[in-house]
C-alpha atoms as a PDB file:
ATOM      1  CA  MET A   1       0.374 -28.485  34.239  1.00  0.00           C
ATOM      2  CA  ARG A   2      -1.901 -27.638  37.267  1.00  0.00           C
ATOM      3  CA  ARG A   3      -4.029 -30.552  39.031  1.00  0.00           C
ATOM      4  CA  ASP A   4      -7.388 -29.231  37.991  1.00  0.00           C
ATOM      5  CA  GLN A   5      -6.287 -29.854  34.679  1.00  0.00           C
ATOM      6  CA  VAL A   6      -5.590 -33.643  34.777  1.00  0.00           C
ATOM      7  CA  VAL A   7      -7.801 -34.749  37.815  1.00  0.00           C
ATOM      8  CA  GLY A   8     -11.001 -35.720  37.271  1.00  0.00           C
ATOM      9  CA  THR A   9     -10.403 -35.486  33.309  1.00  0.00           C
ATOM     10  CA  ALA A  10      -7.524 -37.726  32.246  1.00  0.00           C
ATOM     11  CA  LEU A  11      -6.710 -38.767  35.746  1.00  0.00           C
ATOM     12  CA  THR A  12      -7.722 -39.986  39.143  1.00  0.00           C
ATOM     13  CA  ASP A  13      -6.333 -38.819  42.212  1.00  0.00           C
ATOM     14  CA  GLY A  14      -5.161 -42.039  43.135  1.00  0.00           C
ATOM     15  CA  ALA A  15      -3.614 -42.322  39.437  1.00  0.00           C
ATOM     16  CA  LEU A  16      -1.680 -38.774  39.563  1.00  0.00           C
ATOM     17  CA  ARG A  17      -0.523 -40.095  43.401  1.00  0.00           C
ATOM     18  CA  HIS A  18       1.039 -43.336  41.977  1.00  0.00           C
ATOM     19  CA  LEU A  19       2.632 -41.471  39.304  1.00  0.00           C
ATOM     20  CA  LEU A  20       4.256 -39.025  41.776  1.00  0.00           C
ATOM     21  CA  GLY A  21       4.741 -41.874  43.901  1.00  0.00           C
ATOM     22  CA  ASN A  22       6.845 -43.831  41.566  1.00  0.00           C
ATOM     23  CA  ALA A  23       8.467 -41.212  40.202  1.00  0.00           C
ATOM     24  CA  SER A  24       7.040 -40.823  36.739  1.00  0.00           C
ATOM     25  CA  TRP A  25       6.253 -37.410  37.352  1.00  0.00           C
ATOM     26  CA  GLN A  26       6.947 -34.547  39.850  1.00  0.00           C
ATOM     27  CA  ALA A  27       5.682 -31.984  41.574  1.00  0.00           C
ATOM     28  CA  VAL A  28       7.496 -28.279  41.011  1.00  0.00           C
ATOM     29  CA  LEU A  29       4.939 -26.554  42.609  1.00  0.00           C
ATOM     30  CA  PRO A  30       1.943 -26.852  44.967  1.00  0.00           C
ATOM     31  CA  SER A  31      -0.474 -28.223  42.880  1.00  0.00           C
ATOM     32  CA  THR A  32       1.748 -27.960  39.378  1.00  0.00           C
ATOM     33  CA  TYR A  33       3.286 -30.775  38.255  1.00  0.00           C
ATOM     34  CA  ALA A  34       5.541 -31.775  35.505  1.00  0.00           C
ATOM     35  CA  SER A  35       4.995 -35.364  33.443  1.00  0.00           C
ATOM     36  CA  PHE A  36       8.645 -35.864  33.760  1.00  0.00           C
ATOM     37  CA  THR A  37      11.745 -36.049  36.071  1.00  0.00           C
ATOM     38  CA  GLY A  38      14.735 -34.128  36.700  1.00  0.00           C
ATOM     39  CA  ARG A  39      15.796 -30.467  36.860  1.00  0.00           C
ATOM     40  CA  LEU A  40      13.200 -27.731  34.632  1.00  0.00           C
ATOM     41  CA  THR A  41      14.729 -25.427  32.182  1.00  0.00           C
ATOM     42  CA  ASP A  42      14.437 -21.783  32.606  1.00  0.00           C
ATOM     43  CA  GLU A  43      11.669 -21.534  30.060  1.00  0.00           C
ATOM     44  CA  GLN A  44       9.758 -24.861  32.033  1.00  0.00           C
ATOM     45  CA  ARG A  45      10.171 -22.812  35.177  1.00  0.00           C
ATOM     46  CA  GLU A  46       8.106 -20.079  33.602  1.00  0.00           C
ATOM     47  CA  VAL A  47       5.804 -22.064  32.316  1.00  0.00           C
ATOM     48  CA  ALA A  48       5.269 -23.935  35.963  1.00  0.00           C
ATOM     49  CA  ALA A  49       5.262 -20.142  37.318  1.00  0.00           C
ATOM     50  CA  GLN A  50       2.543 -19.439  35.159  1.00  0.00           C
ATOM     51  CA  LEU A  51       0.272 -21.746  35.618  1.00  0.00           C
ATOM     52  CA  PHE A  52       0.811 -21.733  39.489  1.00  0.00           C
ATOM     53  CA  CYS A  53       0.363 -17.489  39.468  1.00  0.00           C
ATOM     54  CA  GLY A  54      -3.054 -17.684  37.277  1.00  0.00           C
ATOM     55  CA  PRO A  55      -3.368 -16.384  33.687  1.00  0.00           C
ATOM     56  CA  ASP A  56      -3.267 -12.742  34.399  1.00  0.00           C
ATOM     57  CA  ALA A  57       0.400 -12.667  36.262  1.00  0.00           C
ATOM     58  CA  GLN A  58       3.068 -11.587  34.074  1.00  0.00           C
ATOM     59  CA  LEU A  59       6.893 -12.679  34.240  1.00  0.00           C
ATOM     60  CA  THR A  60       9.399  -9.815  35.347  1.00  0.00           C
ATOM     61  CA  GLY A  61      12.840  -9.583  36.416  1.00  0.00           C
ATOM     62  CA  PRO A  62      15.877 -11.268  34.914  1.00  0.00           C
ATOM     63  CA  GLY A  63      13.800 -13.615  33.114  1.00  0.00           C
ATOM     64  CA  ALA A  64      11.746 -10.988  31.522  1.00  0.00           C
ATOM     65  CA  LEU A  65      14.605  -9.429  30.561  1.00  0.00           C
ATOM     66  CA  ARG A  66      15.837 -12.717  28.550  1.00  0.00           C
ATOM     67  CA  ALA A  67      12.508 -12.611  27.466  1.00  0.00           C
ATOM     68  CA  HIS A  68      12.981  -9.733  25.707  1.00  0.00           C
ATOM     69  CA  GLY A  69      16.495 -10.294  24.033  1.00  0.00           C
ATOM     70  CA  LEU A  70      18.748  -8.285  26.679  1.00  0.00           C
ATOM     71  CA  ARG A  71      21.862 -10.092  27.516  1.00  0.00           C
ATOM     72  CA  TYR A  72      23.356  -8.243  30.545  1.00  0.00           C
ATOM     73  CA  GLY A  73      20.814  -8.969  33.393  1.00  0.00           C
ATOM     74  CA  PRO A  74      21.782 -10.712  36.618  1.00  0.00           C
ATOM     75  CA  ALA A  75      21.874 -14.038  37.399  1.00  0.00           C
ATOM     76  CA  ASP A  76      18.281 -15.403  39.113  1.00  0.00           C
ATOM     77  CA  ASP A  77      17.214 -19.195  39.879  1.00  0.00           C
ATOM     78  CA  ARG A  78      13.892 -17.457  40.875  1.00  0.00           C
ATOM     79  CA  VAL A  79      10.870 -16.524  38.441  1.00  0.00           C
ATOM     80  CA  HIS A  80       9.458 -13.256  39.430  1.00  0.00           C
ATOM     81  CA  MET A  81       6.068 -12.781  38.875  1.00  0.00           C
ATOM     82  CA  LEU A  82       3.711 -10.059  38.997  1.00  0.00           C
ATOM     83  CA  VAL A  83       0.465 -10.936  40.249  1.00  0.00           C
ATOM     84  CA  PRO A  84      -2.708  -8.548  40.479  1.00  0.00           C
ATOM     85  CA  HIS A  85      -3.190  -7.234  44.037  1.00  0.00           C
ATOM     86  CA  THR A  86      -6.510  -8.923  44.630  1.00  0.00           C
ATOM     87  CA  ARG A  87      -5.281 -12.488  43.474  1.00  0.00           C
ATOM     88  CA  ARG A  88      -4.720 -14.583  46.396  1.00  0.00           C
ATOM     89  CA  VAL A  89      -1.175 -16.256  45.762  1.00  0.00           C
ATOM     90  CA  SER A  90       2.162 -16.364  47.629  1.00  0.00           C
ATOM     91  CA  SER A  91       5.487 -16.598  46.313  1.00  0.00           C
ATOM     92  CA  SER A  92       6.448 -20.643  46.693  1.00  0.00           C
ATOM     93  CA  GLY A  93       9.582 -22.972  46.086  1.00  0.00           C
ATOM     94  CA  PHE A  94      11.394 -21.006  43.068  1.00  0.00           C
ATOM     95  CA  VAL A  95       8.119 -18.744  42.327  1.00  0.00           C
ATOM     96  CA  VAL A  96       8.666 -14.959  44.004  1.00  0.00           C
ATOM     97  CA  VAL A  97       5.372 -13.250  43.427  1.00  0.00           C
ATOM     98  CA  HIS A  98       4.969  -8.936  43.385  1.00  0.00           C
ATOM     99  CA  ARG A  99       1.753  -8.103  43.710  1.00  0.00           C
ATOM    100  CA  THR A 100       0.955  -4.790  41.883  1.00  0.00           C
ATOM    101  CA  ARG A 101      -1.775  -2.723  40.844  1.00  0.00           C
ATOM    102  CA  ARG A 102       0.254  -1.871  37.447  1.00  0.00           C
ATOM    103  CA  VAL A 103       0.266  -5.061  34.660  1.00  0.00           C
ATOM    104  CA  ALA A 104       1.081  -4.159  31.297  1.00  0.00           C
ATOM    105  CA  ALA A 105      -2.123  -3.757  29.230  1.00  0.00           C
ATOM    106  CA  ASP A 106      -0.478  -5.521  26.188  1.00  0.00           C
ATOM    107  CA  PRO A 107       2.272  -8.000  27.454  1.00  0.00           C
ATOM    108  CA  ILE A 108       4.019 -10.047  25.033  1.00  0.00           C
ATOM    109  CA  THR A 109       3.354 -13.492  24.988  1.00  0.00           C
ATOM    110  CA  ARG A 110       5.571 -17.077  24.744  1.00  0.00           C
ATOM    111  CA  GLY A 111       3.166 -19.350  24.533  1.00  0.00           C
ATOM    112  CA  ILE A 112       1.179 -19.602  27.971  1.00  0.00           C
ATOM    113  CA  VAL A 113       3.725 -17.666  29.578  1.00  0.00           C
ATOM    114  CA  ARG A 114       3.061 -14.005  29.602  1.00  0.00           C
ATOM    115  CA  ILE A 115       5.648 -11.600  29.746  1.00  0.00           C
ATOM    116  CA  THR A 116       5.361  -7.427  31.011  1.00  0.00           C
ATOM    117  CA  GLU A 117       6.871  -4.897  28.987  1.00  0.00           C
ATOM    118  CA  ALA A 118      10.299  -4.190  28.569  1.00  0.00           C
ATOM    119  CA  ALA A 119      10.502  -1.154  30.413  1.00  0.00           C
ATOM    120  CA  ARG A 120       8.950  -2.488  33.293  1.00  0.00           C
ATOM    121  CA  ALA A 121      11.224  -5.679  33.436  1.00  0.00           C
ATOM    122  CA  VAL A 122      14.084  -3.436  33.132  1.00  0.00           C
ATOM    123  CA  ASP A 123      12.801  -0.985  36.148  1.00  0.00           C
ATOM    124  CA  ASP A 124      11.721  -4.392  38.250  1.00  0.00           C
ATOM    125  CA  THR A 125      15.131  -5.827  37.805  1.00  0.00           C
ATOM    126  CA  ALA A 126      17.075  -2.559  39.002  1.00  0.00           C
ATOM    127  CA  LEU A 127      15.198  -2.509  42.345  1.00  0.00           C
ATOM    128  CA  MET A 128      16.019  -6.086  42.884  1.00  0.00           C
ATOM    129  CA  CYS A 129      19.915  -5.615  42.695  1.00  0.00           C
ATOM    130  CA  SER A 130      22.438  -3.917  44.771  1.00  0.00           C
ATOM    131  CA  ASP A 131      25.770  -3.830  42.183  1.00  0.00           C
ATOM    132  CA  PHE A 132      25.358  -0.924  40.068  1.00  0.00           C
ATOM    133  CA  ARG A 133      27.759  -2.294  37.331  1.00  0.00           C
ATOM    134  CA  SER A 134      24.820  -4.759  36.628  1.00  0.00           C
ATOM    135  CA  VAL A 135      22.266  -2.276  36.669  1.00  0.00           C
ATOM    136  CA  ARG A 136      23.959  -0.017  34.524  1.00  0.00           C
ATOM    137  CA  GLY A 137      24.358  -2.862  31.970  1.00  0.00           C
ATOM    138  CA  PHE A 138      21.147  -3.730  31.672  1.00  0.00           C
ATOM    139  CA  VAL A 139      19.866  -0.191  31.798  1.00  0.00           C
ATOM    140  CA  ALA A 140      22.287   1.040  28.852  1.00  0.00           C
ATOM    141  CA  GLU A 141      21.612  -2.512  26.604  1.00  0.00           C
ATOM    142  CA  SER A 142      17.672  -1.893  26.957  1.00  0.00           C
ATOM    143  CA  VAL A 143      17.934   1.507  25.630  1.00  0.00           C
ATOM    144  CA  GLN A 144      20.682   1.164  22.801  1.00  0.00           C
ATOM    145  CA  SER A 145      18.899  -2.048  21.378  1.00  0.00           C
ATOM    146  CA  GLY A 146      15.627  -0.183  21.338  1.00  0.00           C
ATOM    147  CA  GLN A 147      13.726  -2.155  23.939  1.00  0.00           C
ATOM    148  CA  ALA A 148      13.021   0.625  26.097  1.00  0.00           C
ATOM    149  CA  THR A 149      13.555   4.562  26.065  1.00  0.00           C
ATOM    150  CA  ILE A 150      14.827   6.806  28.397  1.00  0.00           C
ATOM    151  CA  THR A 151      11.018   8.519  28.837  1.00  0.00           C
ATOM    152  CA  ASP A 152       9.666   4.797  29.305  1.00  0.00           C
ATOM    153  CA  LEU A 153      11.881   3.965  32.305  1.00  0.00           C
ATOM    154  CA  THR A 154      11.435   7.150  33.828  1.00  0.00           C
ATOM    155  CA  ARG A 155       7.777   6.778  33.624  1.00  0.00           C
ATOM    156  CA  GLU A 156       7.989   3.462  35.310  1.00  0.00           C
ATOM    157  CA  LEU A 157      10.568   4.797  37.710  1.00  0.00           C
ATOM    158  CA  GLU A 158       8.152   7.465  38.762  1.00  0.00           C
ATOM    159  CA  GLU A 159       5.242   5.460  38.602  1.00  0.00           C
ATOM    160  CA  GLY A 160       6.806   2.525  40.944  1.00  0.00           C
ATOM    161  CA  PRO A 161       8.244   2.395  44.175  1.00  0.00           C
ATOM    162  CA  ARG A 162      11.024   5.236  45.279  1.00  0.00           C
ATOM    163  CA  LYS A 163      12.783   2.958  48.110  1.00  0.00           C
ATOM    164  CA  GLY A 164      15.710   1.118  46.365  1.00  0.00           C
ATOM    165  CA  SER A 165      15.546   3.027  43.166  1.00  0.00           C
ATOM    166  CA  ALA A 166      19.035   4.924  44.000  1.00  0.00           C
ATOM    167  CA  LEU A 167      20.647   2.227  41.337  1.00  0.00           C
ATOM    168  CA  LEU A 168      18.413   2.996  38.666  1.00  0.00           C
ATOM    169  CA  ARG A 169      17.996   6.518  39.033  1.00  0.00           C
ATOM    170  CA  ARG A 170      21.816   7.156  38.747  1.00  0.00           C
ATOM    171  CA  ALA A 171      22.175   4.789  35.677  1.00  0.00           C
ATOM    172  CA  LEU A 172      19.152   6.747  33.713  1.00  0.00           C
ATOM    173  CA  GLU A 173      21.379   9.897  34.708  1.00  0.00           C
ATOM    174  CA  GLU A 174      24.341   8.174  32.666  1.00  0.00           C
ATOM    175  CA  VAL A 175      22.138   7.165  29.592  1.00  0.00           C
ATOM    176  CA  ALA A 176      20.583  10.295  28.844  1.00  0.00           C
ATOM    177  CA  ASP A 177      23.969  11.811  29.198  1.00  0.00           C
ATOM    178  CA  GLY A 178      25.007   9.964  26.355  1.00  0.00           C
ATOM    179  CA  VAL A 179      26.291   6.732  27.737  1.00  0.00           C
ATOM    180  CA  ARG A 180      25.198   3.992  25.416  1.00  0.00           C
ATOM    181  CA  SER A 181      26.460   0.671  26.517  1.00  0.00           C
ATOM    182  CA  ALA A 182      27.767  -1.207  29.574  1.00  0.00           C
ATOM    183  CA  PRO A 183      31.417  -1.182  28.190  1.00  0.00           C
ATOM    184  CA  GLU A 184      31.033   2.385  27.461  1.00  0.00           C
ATOM    185  CA  ALA A 185      29.998   3.504  31.044  1.00  0.00           C
ATOM    186  CA  GLN A 186      32.681   1.235  32.504  1.00  0.00           C
ATOM    187  CA  LEU A 187      35.198   3.495  30.084  1.00  0.00           C
ATOM    188  CA  ARG A 188      33.678   6.966  31.474  1.00  0.00           C
ATOM    189  CA  GLU A 189      34.168   5.723  35.238  1.00  0.00           C
ATOM    190  CA  ILE A 190      37.479   5.046  34.325  1.00  0.00           C
ATOM    191  CA  VAL A 191      38.061   8.700  32.298  1.00  0.00           C
ATOM    192  CA  GLU A 192      36.252  10.743  35.291  1.00  0.00           C
ATOM    193  CA  THR A 193      38.041   8.807  38.190  1.00  0.00           C
ATOM    194  CA  THR A 194      41.500  10.275  36.135  1.00  0.00           C
ATOM    195  CA  SER A 195      42.648  13.026  37.698  1.00  0.00           C
ATOM    196  CA  ALA A 196      45.284  13.445  35.213  1.00  0.00           C
ATOM    197  CA  LEU A 197      42.810  13.555  32.438  1.00  0.00           C
ATOM    198  CA  PRO A 198      40.156  16.700  31.820  1.00  0.00           C
ATOM    199  CA  THR A 199      36.095  16.061  31.472  1.00  0.00           C
ATOM    200  CA  ALA A 200      35.553  13.971  28.103  1.00  0.00           C
ATOM    201  CA  ARG A 201      31.915  14.419  26.202  1.00  0.00           C
ATOM    202  CA  TRP A 202      30.310  11.421  25.536  1.00  0.00           C
ATOM    203  CA  ASN A 203      28.708  10.670  21.672  1.00  0.00           C
ATOM    204  CA  PRO A 204      29.287  14.300  21.117  1.00  0.00           C
ATOM    205  CA  ALA A 205      28.423  15.383  17.330  1.00  0.00           C
ATOM    206  CA  LEU A 206      31.753  16.807  15.641  1.00  0.00           C
ATOM    207  CA  VAL A 207      32.018  19.308  12.644  1.00  0.00           C
ATOM    208  CA  ALA A 208      35.078  19.607  10.421  1.00  0.00           C
ATOM    209  CA  PRO A 209      36.225  23.564   9.945  1.00  0.00           C
ATOM    210  CA  SER A 210      33.797  23.382   6.469  1.00  0.00           C
ATOM    211  CA  GLY A 211      30.773  22.181   8.423  1.00  0.00           C
ATOM    212  CA  LEU A 212      31.112  18.698   7.729  1.00  0.00           C
ATOM    213  CA  ARG A 213      29.714  16.296  10.041  1.00  0.00           C
ATOM    214  CA  LEU A 214      31.941  13.733  11.446  1.00  0.00           C
ATOM    215  CA  PRO A 215      31.667  10.528  12.688  1.00  0.00           C
ATOM    216  CA  THR A 216      30.368  10.443  16.626  1.00  0.00           C
ATOM    217  CA  PRO A 217      33.105   8.635  18.875  1.00  0.00           C
ATOM    218  CA  ASP A 218      32.242   7.200  22.063  1.00  0.00           C
ATOM    219  CA  GLY A 219      34.183   9.666  23.815  1.00  0.00           C
ATOM    220  CA  TRP A 220      35.898  12.653  23.047  1.00  0.00           C
ATOM    221  CA  ILE A 221      38.507  14.592  24.808  1.00  0.00           C
ATOM    222  CA  ASP A 222      38.443  18.348  23.068  1.00  0.00           C
ATOM    223  CA  GLU A 223      41.134  19.604  24.637  1.00  0.00           C
ATOM    224  CA  VAL A 224      43.644  17.346  22.531  1.00  0.00           C
ATOM    225  CA  GLY A 225      41.085  15.824  20.206  1.00  0.00           C
ATOM    226  CA  ILE A 226      41.510  12.363  21.119  1.00  0.00           C
ATOM    227  CA  ALA A 227      38.627  10.186  20.631  1.00  0.00           C
ATOM    228  CA  LEU A 228      37.784   7.325  22.518  1.00  0.00           C
ATOM    229  CA  GLU A 229      36.037   4.101  21.209  1.00  0.00           C
ATOM    230  CA  VAL A 230      34.891   0.719  22.619  1.00  0.00           C
ATOM    231  CA  ASP A 231      35.174  -2.236  19.952  1.00  0.00           C
ATOM    232  CA  SER A 232      33.031  -5.191  20.844  1.00  0.00           C
ATOM    233  CA  ARG A 233      33.594  -7.917  18.702  1.00  0.00           C
ATOM    234  CA  GLU A 234      29.743  -8.611  18.491  1.00  0.00           C
ATOM    235  CA  TYR A 235      29.300  -5.655  16.510  1.00  0.00           C
ATOM    236  CA  HIS A 236      32.216  -6.633  14.163  1.00  0.00           C
ATOM    237  CA  THR A 237      30.901 -10.255  13.038  1.00  0.00           C
ATOM    238  CA  ALA A 238      30.367  -9.116   9.160  1.00  0.00           C
ATOM    239  CA  PRO A 239      32.747  -7.687   6.780  1.00  0.00           C
ATOM    240  CA  ASP A 240      30.705  -4.625   6.334  1.00  0.00           C
ATOM    241  CA  ASP A 241      30.858  -4.203  10.367  1.00  0.00           C
ATOM    242  CA  TRP A 242      34.608  -3.991  10.461  1.00  0.00           C
ATOM    243  CA  ALA A 243      34.861  -1.566   7.135  1.00  0.00           C
ATOM    244  CA  ARG A 244      32.286   0.912   8.544  1.00  0.00           C
ATOM    245  CA  THR A 245      34.603   0.625  11.704  1.00  0.00           C
ATOM    246  CA  LEU A 246      37.432   1.894   9.820  1.00  0.00           C
ATOM    247  CA  ARG A 247      36.052   4.109   7.605  1.00  0.00           C
ATOM    248  CA  ARG A 248      35.067   6.040  11.224  1.00  0.00           C
ATOM    249  CA  HIS A 249      38.833   5.525  12.105  1.00  0.00           C
ATOM    250  CA  ASN A 250      39.985   7.083   8.937  1.00  0.00           C
ATOM    251  CA  VAL A 251      38.018  10.480   8.721  1.00  0.00           C
ATOM    252  CA  LEU A 252      38.171  11.183  12.370  1.00  0.00           C
ATOM    253  CA  ALA A 253      42.319  10.739  11.827  1.00  0.00           C
ATOM    254  CA  ALA A 254      42.365  12.519   8.742  1.00  0.00           C
ATOM    255  CA  HIS A 255      40.634  15.695  10.798  1.00  0.00           C
ATOM    256  CA  GLY A 256      43.674  15.223  13.310  1.00  0.00           C
ATOM    257  CA  ALA A 257      42.006  12.959  15.855  1.00  0.00           C
ATOM    258  CA  LEU A 258      43.820  10.495  17.458  1.00  0.00           C
ATOM    259  CA  VAL A 259      41.495   7.743  17.825  1.00  0.00           C
ATOM    260  CA  LEU A 260      42.195   5.074  20.705  1.00  0.00           C
ATOM    261  CA  HIS A 261      40.437   1.446  20.528  1.00  0.00           C
ATOM    262  CA  PHE A 262      39.611  -0.421  23.687  1.00  0.00           C
ATOM    263  CA  THR A 263      37.515  -3.668  23.994  1.00  0.00           C
ATOM    264  CA  PRO A 264      35.143  -4.112  26.315  1.00  0.00           C
ATOM    265  CA  GLN A 265      37.248  -7.123  27.686  1.00  0.00           C
ATOM    266  CA  GLU A 266      40.456  -4.761  28.520  1.00  0.00           C
ATOM    267  CA  ILE A 267      38.314  -2.363  29.668  1.00  0.00           C
ATOM    268  CA  TYR A 268      36.857  -4.960  32.807  1.00  0.00           C
ATOM    269  CA  ALA A 269      40.073  -6.886  32.741  1.00  0.00           C
ATOM    270  CA  ALA A 270      42.522  -4.269  32.518  1.00  0.00           C
ATOM    271  CA  PRO A 271      41.486  -1.107  33.695  1.00  0.00           C
ATOM    272  CA  GLU A 272      44.765   0.314  34.858  1.00  0.00           C
ATOM    273  CA  ALA A 273      46.323  -0.485  31.265  1.00  0.00           C
ATOM    274  CA  VAL A 274      43.750   1.418  29.570  1.00  0.00           C
ATOM    275  CA  ARG A 275      43.898   4.505  31.864  1.00  0.00           C
ATOM    276  CA  ARG A 276      47.583   4.292  31.269  1.00  0.00           C
ATOM    277  CA  THR A 277      46.840   4.072  27.534  1.00  0.00           C
ATOM    278  CA  MET A 278      44.673   7.362  27.411  1.00  0.00           C
ATOM    279  CA  VAL A 279      46.917   9.333  30.322  1.00  0.00           C
ATOM    280  CA  ASP A 280      50.158   8.584  27.924  1.00  0.00           C
ATOM    281  CA  ALA A 281      48.463   9.544  25.068  1.00  0.00           C
ATOM    282  CA  TYR A 282      46.653  12.746  26.238  1.00  0.00           C
ATOM    283  CA  LEU A 283      50.268  13.950  28.009  1.00  0.00           C
ATOM    284  CA  GLU A 284      52.207  13.239  24.689  1.00  0.00           C
ATOM    285  CA  ARG A 285      49.284  15.606  22.741  1.00  0.00           C
ATOM    286  CA  LEU A 286      50.180  18.169  24.930  1.00  0.00           C
ATOM    287  CA  ARG A 287      53.775  18.148  24.985  1.00  0.00           C
ATOM    288  CA  THR A 288      53.395  18.217  20.796  1.00  0.00           C
ATOM    289  CA  GLY A 289      50.918  20.964  21.042  1.00  0.00           C
ATOM    290  CA  VAL A 290      49.235  18.775  18.608  1.00  0.00           C
ATOM    291  CA  ARG A 291      45.367  19.442  17.815  1.00  0.00           C
ATOM    292  CA  ALA A 292      42.471  18.011  15.825  1.00  0.00           C
ATOM    293  CA  ALA A 293      40.723  20.455  13.367  1.00  0.00           C
ATOM    294  CA  VAL A 294      37.598  19.119  14.445  1.00  0.00           C
ATOM    295  CA  HIS A 295      34.972  21.245  16.670  1.00  0.00           C
ATOM    296  CA  LEU A 296      31.814  20.594  19.133  1.00  0.00           C
ATOM    297  CA  SER A 297      28.740  20.747  17.241  1.00  0.00           C
ATOM    298  CA  ASP A 298      25.422  22.289  18.127  1.00  0.00           C
ATOM    299  CA  ARG A 299      23.989  18.908  15.699  1.00  0.00           C
ATOM    300  CA  SER A 300      22.591  21.698  13.323  1.00  0.00           C
ATOM    301  CA  SER A 301      24.817  21.181  11.046  1.00  0.00           C
ATOM    302  CA  PRO A 302      22.886  20.278   7.634  1.00  0.00           C
ATOM    303  CA  GLN A 303      25.953  17.730   6.027  1.00  0.00           C
ATOM    304  CA  VAL A 304      26.661  14.546   7.307  1.00  0.00           C
ATOM    305  CA  ASP A 305      29.584  12.304   6.654  1.00  0.00           C
ATOM    306  CA  ARG A 306      28.372   9.063   5.239  1.00  0.00           C
ATOM    307  CA  ALA A 307      30.728   7.031   6.976  1.00  0.00           C
ATOM    308  CA  THR A 308      29.122   7.325  10.408  1.00  0.00           C
END
């Protein structure tokens, strides 16, 4: 609570000083108090930040990513708040104030906390980061989850500061090129830095000779018909999800494709083993001359394989 919410109504100045002095209450920010002691949770810190910055402020940064359900944001003990440029409030304690002329017209709310739009939160967080893998992760996740579109993210990028935006621009280029998740982007990096492998296509539309639309793999090495799939446990928690993965594999295999499956853990923890598996498979397909009865599509085929 703020001081002006209790002093003169529920408490006197003396009573407030007594509560703070005997450690029944604690000051968490200037003129902002908690009626308990001990460490604040993330949500309590965000409530305190909202009280401190005022009702027109909005949560942004990693905290806003979490509020939008995104999991790949960077760890950050600070609470980042967008504050209208006319407001006279400065950063203090765990609160970082970002003055802006652009605040979301329709922020989401959680209790008293106002949270900026997902696209703005993604772009603001990217400007705070120096690790491209992290930026790539939450940018791809925001698009894949439907929380933001590439158009939304690009608009925020163009309307925001250019300084420090290089990693965000690079991540957006990847997502626009078809990369849909952080592990998939990491797999793409392994492929592109392996001289023994040709260029792969990402999330391509594939068709059989009959014109039947085939399942879309995460990656596709067209020269030898190898499909690359990133299999995450989080997408296979239900029997139907696992059955769908098997159907995708079987349909591609029935048309001569070699399907290689990698988990996110393998991609991050053992990239050299992943690299070797792909190279060995590619060289073996070259040696045997095996080809898949699959073609890249212009996405105009009217027939769709329901296994996708």
